[in-house]
């Protein structure tokens, strides 16, 4: 639960690797990345930043929407 990651005191939160903000934006399914579709080794995909994986997926969607194929 998110309560495990929140601490109201800023200094204590930072010291314990927690958040001192009660609000945030959360994306479900961010780990559902198919690395082989993008010719990325699964082991390499594990070390990628989730934001990079989401960016690659969004770029692919843009290309599809524009009518491009592989």
PDB file of N, CA and C in Angstrom:
ATOM      1  N   UNK A   1       0.843  -1.192   0.000  1.00  0.00           N
ATOM      2  CA  UNK A   1       0.000   0.000   0.000  1.00  0.00           C
ATOM      3  C   UNK A   1       0.880   1.244   0.000  1.00  0.00           C
ATOM      4  N   UNK A   2       0.287   2.335  -0.422  1.00  0.00           N
ATOM      5  CA  UNK A   2       1.045   3.581  -0.517  1.00  0.00           C
ATOM      6  C   UNK A   2       1.419   4.126   0.856  1.00  0.00           C
ATOM      7  N   UNK A   3       0.687   3.746   1.892  1.00  0.00           N
ATOM      8  CA  UNK A   3       0.986   4.222   3.246  1.00  0.00           C
ATOM      9  C   UNK A   3       2.392   3.804   3.686  1.00  0.00           C
ATOM     10  N   UNK A   4       2.880   2.703   3.142  1.00  0.00           N
ATOM     11  CA  UNK A   4       4.208   2.218   3.497  1.00  0.00           C
ATOM     12  C   UNK A   4       5.314   3.129   2.957  1.00  0.00           C
ATOM     13  N   UNK A   5       5.001   3.917   1.941  1.00  0.00           N
ATOM     14  CA  UNK A   5       5.998   4.767   1.300  1.00  0.00           C
ATOM     15  C   UNK A   5       5.917   6.224   1.732  1.00  0.00           C
ATOM     16  N   UNK A   6       4.937   6.566   2.571  1.00  0.00           N
ATOM     17  CA  UNK A   6       4.719   7.948   2.960  1.00  0.00           C
ATOM     18  C   UNK A   6       5.146   8.194   4.399  1.00  0.00           C
ATOM     19  N   UNK A   7       5.786   9.345   4.612  1.00  0.00           N
ATOM     20  CA  UNK A   7       6.077   9.812   5.960  1.00  0.00           C
ATOM     21  C   UNK A   7       5.900  11.321   5.952  1.00  0.00           C
ATOM     22  N   UNK A   8       5.117  11.869   6.869  1.00  0.00           N
ATOM     23  CA  UNK A   8       4.806  13.303   6.819  1.00  0.00           C
ATOM     24  C   UNK A   8       6.004  14.222   7.068  1.00  0.00           C
ATOM     25  N   UNK A   9       7.012  13.755   7.799  1.00  0.00           N
ATOM     26  CA  UNK A   9       8.184  14.584   8.070  1.00  0.00           C
ATOM     27  C   UNK A   9       9.179  14.457   6.918  1.00  0.00           C
ATOM     28  N   UNK A  10       9.483  15.590   6.280  1.00  0.00           N
ATOM     29  CA  UNK A  10      10.334  15.576   5.083  1.00  0.00           C
ATOM     30  C   UNK A  10      11.699  14.955   5.348  1.00  0.00           C
ATOM     31  N   UNK A  11      12.365  15.374   6.412  1.00  0.00           N
ATOM     32  CA  UNK A  11      13.722  14.880   6.687  1.00  0.00           C
ATOM     33  C   UNK A  11      13.735  13.382   6.993  1.00  0.00           C
ATOM     34  N   UNK A  12      12.762  12.924   7.762  1.00  0.00           N
ATOM     35  CA  UNK A  12      12.696  11.489   8.065  1.00  0.00           C
ATOM     36  C   UNK A  12      12.338  10.680   6.822  1.00  0.00           C
ATOM     37  N   UNK A  13      11.446  11.222   6.006  1.00  0.00           N
ATOM     38  CA  UNK A  13      11.066  10.529   4.783  1.00  0.00           C
ATOM     39  C   UNK A  13      12.276  10.329   3.885  1.00  0.00           C
ATOM     40  N   UNK A  14      13.054  11.380   3.677  1.00  0.00           N
ATOM     41  CA  UNK A  14      14.238  11.288   2.817  1.00  0.00           C
ATOM     42  C   UNK A  14      15.260  10.328   3.426  1.00  0.00           C
ATOM     43  N   UNK A  15      15.447  10.384   4.725  1.00  0.00           N
ATOM     44  CA  UNK A  15      16.418   9.510   5.395  1.00  0.00           C
ATOM     45  C   UNK A  15      16.055   8.033   5.252  1.00  0.00           C
ATOM     46  N   UNK A  16      14.761   7.740   5.154  1.00  0.00           N
ATOM     47  CA  UNK A  16      14.318   6.346   5.070  1.00  0.00           C
ATOM     48  C   UNK A  16      13.880   5.945   3.668  1.00  0.00           C
ATOM     49  N   UNK A  17      14.176   6.779   2.675  1.00  0.00           N
ATOM     50  CA  UNK A  17      13.836   6.453   1.292  1.00  0.00           C
ATOM     51  C   UNK A  17      12.342   6.440   1.022  1.00  0.00           C
ATOM     52  N   UNK A  18      11.620   7.301   1.724  1.00  0.00           N
ATOM     53  CA  UNK A  18      10.169   7.379   1.555  1.00  0.00           C
ATOM     54  C   UNK A  18       9.793   8.726   0.935  1.00  0.00           C
ATOM     55  N   UNK A  19       8.525   8.856   0.647  1.00  0.00           N
ATOM     56  CA  UNK A  19       7.998  10.098   0.084  1.00  0.00           C
ATOM     57  C   UNK A  19       7.363  10.930   1.188  1.00  0.00           C
ATOM     58  N   UNK A  20       7.482  12.241   1.098  1.00  0.00           N
ATOM     59  CA  UNK A  20       6.806  13.115   2.044  1.00  0.00           C
ATOM     60  C   UNK A  20       5.611  13.804   1.386  1.00  0.00           C
ATOM     61  N   UNK A  21       5.274  13.366   0.187  1.00  0.00           N
ATOM     62  CA  UNK A  21       4.109  13.883  -0.525  1.00  0.00           C
ATOM     63  C   UNK A  21       2.989  12.851  -0.473  1.00  0.00           C
ATOM     64  N   UNK A  22       1.778  13.327  -0.213  1.00  0.00           N
ATOM     65  CA  UNK A  22       0.626  12.426  -0.154  1.00  0.00           C
ATOM     66  C   UNK A  22       0.057  12.146  -1.537  1.00  0.00           C
ATOM     67  N   UNK A  23       0.463  12.914  -2.534  1.00  0.00           N
ATOM     68  CA  UNK A  23      -0.138  12.798  -3.855  1.00  0.00           C
ATOM     69  C   UNK A  23       0.903  12.411  -4.891  1.00  0.00           C
ATOM     70  N   UNK A  24       0.441  11.795  -5.961  1.00  0.00           N
ATOM     71  CA  UNK A  24       1.346  11.425  -7.044  1.00  0.00           C
ATOM     72  C   UNK A  24       0.560  10.874  -8.222  1.00  0.00           C
ATOM     73  N   UNK A  25       1.245  10.760  -9.325  1.00  0.00           N
ATOM     74  CA  UNK A  25       0.650  10.150 -10.508  1.00  0.00           C
ATOM     75  C   UNK A  25       1.208   8.750 -10.658  1.00  0.00           C
ATOM     76  N   UNK A  26       0.340   7.787 -10.857  1.00  0.00           N
ATOM     77  CA  UNK A  26       0.771   6.403 -10.908  1.00  0.00           C
ATOM     78  C   UNK A  26       0.233   5.740 -12.168  1.00  0.00           C
ATOM     79  N   UNK A  27       1.082   4.992 -12.837  1.00  0.00           N
ATOM     80  CA  UNK A  27       0.711   4.335 -14.082  1.00  0.00           C
ATOM     81  C   UNK A  27       0.661   2.837 -13.848  1.00  0.00           C
ATOM     82  N   UNK A  28      -0.506   2.257 -14.099  1.00  0.00           N
ATOM     83  CA  UNK A  28      -0.633   0.811 -13.961  1.00  0.00           C
ATOM     84  C   UNK A  28      -0.064   0.137 -15.206  1.00  0.00           C
ATOM     85  N   UNK A  29       0.520  -1.033 -15.016  1.00  0.00           N
ATOM     86  CA  UNK A  29       1.017  -1.824 -16.131  1.00  0.00           C
ATOM     87  C   UNK A  29       2.333  -1.337 -16.715  1.00  0.00           C
ATOM     88  N   UNK A  30       3.064  -0.491 -15.994  1.00  0.00           N
ATOM     89  CA  UNK A  30       4.322   0.034 -16.542  1.00  0.00           C
ATOM     90  C   UNK A  30       5.363  -1.059 -16.740  1.00  0.00           C
ATOM     91  N   UNK A  31       5.208  -2.177 -16.045  1.00  0.00           N
ATOM     92  CA  UNK A  31       6.187  -3.263 -16.163  1.00  0.00           C
ATOM     93  C   UNK A  31       5.811  -4.266 -17.247  1.00  0.00           C
ATOM     94  N   UNK A  32       4.696  -4.046 -17.923  1.00  0.00           N
ATOM     95  CA  UNK A  32       4.247  -4.970 -18.967  1.00  0.00           C
ATOM     96  C   UNK A  32       4.876  -4.591 -20.304  1.00  0.00           C
ATOM     97  N   UNK A  33       6.167  -4.625 -20.367  1.00  0.00           N
ATOM     98  CA  UNK A  33       6.942  -4.227 -21.540  1.00  0.00           C
ATOM     99  C   UNK A  33       7.410  -5.471 -22.270  1.00  0.00           C
ATOM    100  N   UNK A  34       7.243  -5.506 -23.587  1.00  0.00           N
ATOM    101  CA  UNK A  34       7.690  -6.649 -24.393  1.00  0.00           C
ATOM    102  C   UNK A  34       9.010  -6.277 -25.060  1.00  0.00           C
ATOM    103  N   UNK A  35      10.139  -6.605 -24.435  1.00  0.00           N
ATOM    104  CA  UNK A  35      11.432  -6.180 -24.972  1.00  0.00           C
ATOM    105  C   UNK A  35      11.750  -6.788 -26.337  1.00  0.00           C
ATOM    106  N   UNK A  36      11.315  -8.017 -26.579  1.00  0.00           N
ATOM    107  CA  UNK A  36      11.628  -8.675 -27.848  1.00  0.00           C
ATOM    108  C   UNK A  36      10.949  -7.975 -29.022  1.00  0.00           C
ATOM    109  N   UNK A  37       9.786  -7.369 -28.790  1.00  0.00           N
ATOM    110  CA  UNK A  37       9.104  -6.618 -29.843  1.00  0.00           C
ATOM    111  C   UNK A  37       9.990  -5.477 -30.346  1.00  0.00           C
ATOM    112  N   UNK A  38      10.779  -4.898 -29.443  1.00  0.00           N
ATOM    113  CA  UNK A  38      11.654  -3.780 -29.789  1.00  0.00           C
ATOM    114  C   UNK A  38      13.107  -4.222 -30.014  1.00  0.00           C
ATOM    115  N   UNK A  39      13.306  -5.533 -30.152  1.00  0.00           N
ATOM    116  CA  UNK A  39      14.650  -6.101 -30.347  1.00  0.00           C
ATOM    117  C   UNK A  39      15.612  -5.720 -29.222  1.00  0.00           C
ATOM    118  N   UNK A  40      15.096  -5.772 -28.007  1.00  0.00           N
ATOM    119  CA  UNK A  40      15.894  -5.490 -26.816  1.00  0.00           C
ATOM    120  C   UNK A  40      15.976  -6.785 -26.017  1.00  0.00           C
ATOM    121  N   UNK A  41      17.168  -7.130 -25.571  1.00  0.00           N
ATOM    122  CA  UNK A  41      17.342  -8.337 -24.772  1.00  0.00           C
ATOM    123  C   UNK A  41      16.577  -8.188 -23.451  1.00  0.00           C
ATOM    124  N   UNK A  42      15.869  -9.236 -23.024  1.00  0.00           N
ATOM    125  CA  UNK A  42      15.122  -9.161 -21.768  1.00  0.00           C
ATOM    126  C   UNK A  42      15.991  -8.736 -20.581  1.00  0.00           C
ATOM    127  N   UNK A  43      17.220  -9.202 -20.554  1.00  0.00           N
ATOM    128  CA  UNK A  43      18.115  -8.828 -19.448  1.00  0.00           C
ATOM    129  C   UNK A  43      18.418  -7.329 -19.483  1.00  0.00           C
ATOM    130  N   UNK A  44      18.614  -6.791 -20.680  1.00  0.00           N
ATOM    131  CA  UNK A  44      18.864  -5.352 -20.820  1.00  0.00           C
ATOM    132  C   UNK A  44      17.617  -4.553 -20.426  1.00  0.00           C
ATOM    133  N   UNK A  45      16.448  -5.059 -20.780  1.00  0.00           N
ATOM    134  CA  UNK A  45      15.196  -4.363 -20.466  1.00  0.00           C
ATOM    135  C   UNK A  45      14.992  -4.231 -18.962  1.00  0.00           C
ATOM    136  N   UNK A  46      15.458  -5.212 -18.208  1.00  0.00           N
ATOM    137  CA  UNK A  46      15.326  -5.147 -16.750  1.00  0.00           C
ATOM    138  C   UNK A  46      16.091  -3.976 -16.148  1.00  0.00           C
ATOM    139  N   UNK A  47      17.200  -3.588 -16.789  1.00  0.00           N
ATOM    140  CA  UNK A  47      18.005  -2.491 -16.252  1.00  0.00           C
ATOM    141  C   UNK A  47      17.607  -1.127 -16.812  1.00  0.00           C
ATOM    142  N   UNK A  48      16.652  -1.125 -17.757  1.00  0.00           N
ATOM    143  CA  UNK A  48      16.192   0.147 -18.331  1.00  0.00           C
ATOM    144  C   UNK A  48      15.293   0.885 -17.350  1.00  0.00           C
ATOM    145  N   UNK A  49      15.339   2.196 -17.411  1.00  0.00           N
ATOM    146  CA  UNK A  49      14.443   3.034 -16.619  1.00  0.00           C
ATOM    147  C   UNK A  49      13.013   2.808 -17.126  1.00  0.00           C
ATOM    148  N   UNK A  50      12.041   2.607 -16.239  1.00  0.00           N
ATOM    149  CA  UNK A  50      10.656   2.415 -16.684  1.00  0.00           C
ATOM    150  C   UNK A  50      10.155   3.567 -17.557  1.00  0.00           C
ATOM    151  N   UNK A  51      10.649   4.780 -17.317  1.00  0.00           N
ATOM    152  CA  UNK A  51      10.246   5.919 -18.140  1.00  0.00           C
ATOM    153  C   UNK A  51      10.733   5.753 -19.574  1.00  0.00           C
ATOM    154  N   UNK A  52      11.906   5.153 -19.741  1.00  0.00           N
ATOM    155  CA  UNK A  52      12.435   4.912 -21.088  1.00  0.00           C
ATOM    156  C   UNK A  52      11.570   3.879 -21.815  1.00  0.00           C
ATOM    157  N   UNK A  53      11.165   2.836 -21.098  1.00  0.00           N
ATOM    158  CA  UNK A  53      10.306   1.820 -21.710  1.00  0.00           C
ATOM    159  C   UNK A  53       8.970   2.425 -22.129  1.00  0.00           C
ATOM    160  N   UNK A  54       8.383   3.256 -21.263  1.00  0.00           N
ATOM    161  CA  UNK A  54       7.120   3.913 -21.604  1.00  0.00           C
ATOM    162  C   UNK A  54       7.288   4.842 -22.796  1.00  0.00           C
ATOM    163  N   UNK A  55       8.418   5.527 -22.867  1.00  0.00           N
ATOM    164  CA  UNK A  55       8.692   6.432 -23.988  1.00  0.00           C
ATOM    165  C   UNK A  55       8.759   5.650 -25.303  1.00  0.00           C
ATOM    166  N   UNK A  56       9.455   4.515 -25.292  1.00  0.00           N
ATOM    167  CA  UNK A  56       9.576   3.688 -26.498  1.00  0.00           C
ATOM    168  C   UNK A  56       8.198   3.204 -26.945  1.00  0.00           C
ATOM    169  N   UNK A  57       7.379   2.759 -25.989  1.00  0.00           N
ATOM    170  CA  UNK A  57       6.036   2.295 -26.329  1.00  0.00           C
ATOM    171  C   UNK A  57       5.189   3.432 -26.903  1.00  0.00           C
ATOM    172  N   UNK A  58       5.296   4.620 -26.307  1.00  0.00           N
ATOM    173  CA  UNK A  58       4.532   5.773 -26.797  1.00  0.00           C
ATOM    174  C   UNK A  58       4.980   6.159 -28.203  1.00  0.00           C
ATOM    175  N   UNK A  59       6.280   6.091 -28.465  1.00  0.00           N
ATOM    176  CA  UNK A  59       6.793   6.394 -29.808  1.00  0.00           C
ATOM    177  C   UNK A  59       6.236   5.407 -30.824  1.00  0.00           C
ATOM    178  N   UNK A  60       6.179   4.139 -30.447  1.00  0.00           N
ATOM    179  CA  UNK A  60       5.636   3.125 -31.355  1.00  0.00           C
ATOM    180  C   UNK A  60       4.166   3.416 -31.644  1.00  0.00           C
ATOM    181  N   UNK A  61       3.397   3.785 -30.619  1.00  0.00           N
ATOM    182  CA  UNK A  61       1.985   4.109 -30.820  1.00  0.00           C
ATOM    183  C   UNK A  61       1.809   5.284 -31.775  1.00  0.00           C
ATOM    184  N   UNK A  62       2.680   6.272 -31.666  1.00  0.00           N
ATOM    185  CA  UNK A  62       2.621   7.430 -32.564  1.00  0.00           C
ATOM    186  C   UNK A  62       2.860   6.986 -34.003  1.00  0.00           C
ATOM    187  N   UNK A  63       3.857   6.129 -34.206  1.00  0.00           N
ATOM    188  CA  UNK A  63       4.155   5.637 -35.555  1.00  0.00           C
ATOM    189  C   UNK A  63       2.985   4.832 -36.114  1.00  0.00           C
ATOM    190  N   UNK A  64       2.383   3.985 -35.280  1.00  0.00           N
ATOM    191  CA  UNK A  64       1.218   3.200 -35.715  1.00  0.00           C
ATOM    192  C   UNK A  64       0.056   4.112 -36.089  1.00  0.00           C
ATOM    193  N   UNK A  65      -0.212   5.095 -35.233  1.00  0.00           N
ATOM    194  CA  UNK A  65      -1.316   6.029 -35.487  1.00  0.00           C
ATOM    195  C   UNK A  65      -1.102   6.818 -36.780  1.00  0.00           C
ATOM    196  N   UNK A  66       0.164   7.040 -37.120  1.00  0.00           N
ATOM    197  CA  UNK A  66       0.484   7.776 -38.330  1.00  0.00           C
ATOM    198  C   UNK A  66       0.410   6.884 -39.585  1.00  0.00           C
ATOM    199  N   UNK A  67       0.209   5.573 -39.368  1.00  0.00           N
ATOM    200  CA  UNK A  67       0.057   4.665 -40.492  1.00  0.00           C
ATOM    201  C   UNK A  67       1.334   3.980 -40.940  1.00  0.00           C
ATOM    202  N   UNK A  68       2.411   4.158 -40.202  1.00  0.00           N
ATOM    203  CA  UNK A  68       3.669   3.494 -40.555  1.00  0.00           C
ATOM    204  C   UNK A  68       3.681   2.061 -40.053  1.00  0.00           C
ATOM    205  N   UNK A  69       4.374   1.195 -40.777  1.00  0.00           N
ATOM    206  CA  UNK A  69       4.562  -0.186 -40.338  1.00  0.00           C
ATOM    207  C   UNK A  69       6.058  -0.460 -40.261  1.00  0.00           C
ATOM    208  N   UNK A  70       6.382  -1.636 -39.793  1.00  0.00           N
ATOM    209  CA  UNK A  70       7.794  -1.982 -39.697  1.00  0.00           C
ATOM    210  C   UNK A  70       8.402  -1.972 -41.071  1.00  0.00           C
TER     211      UNK A  70
END
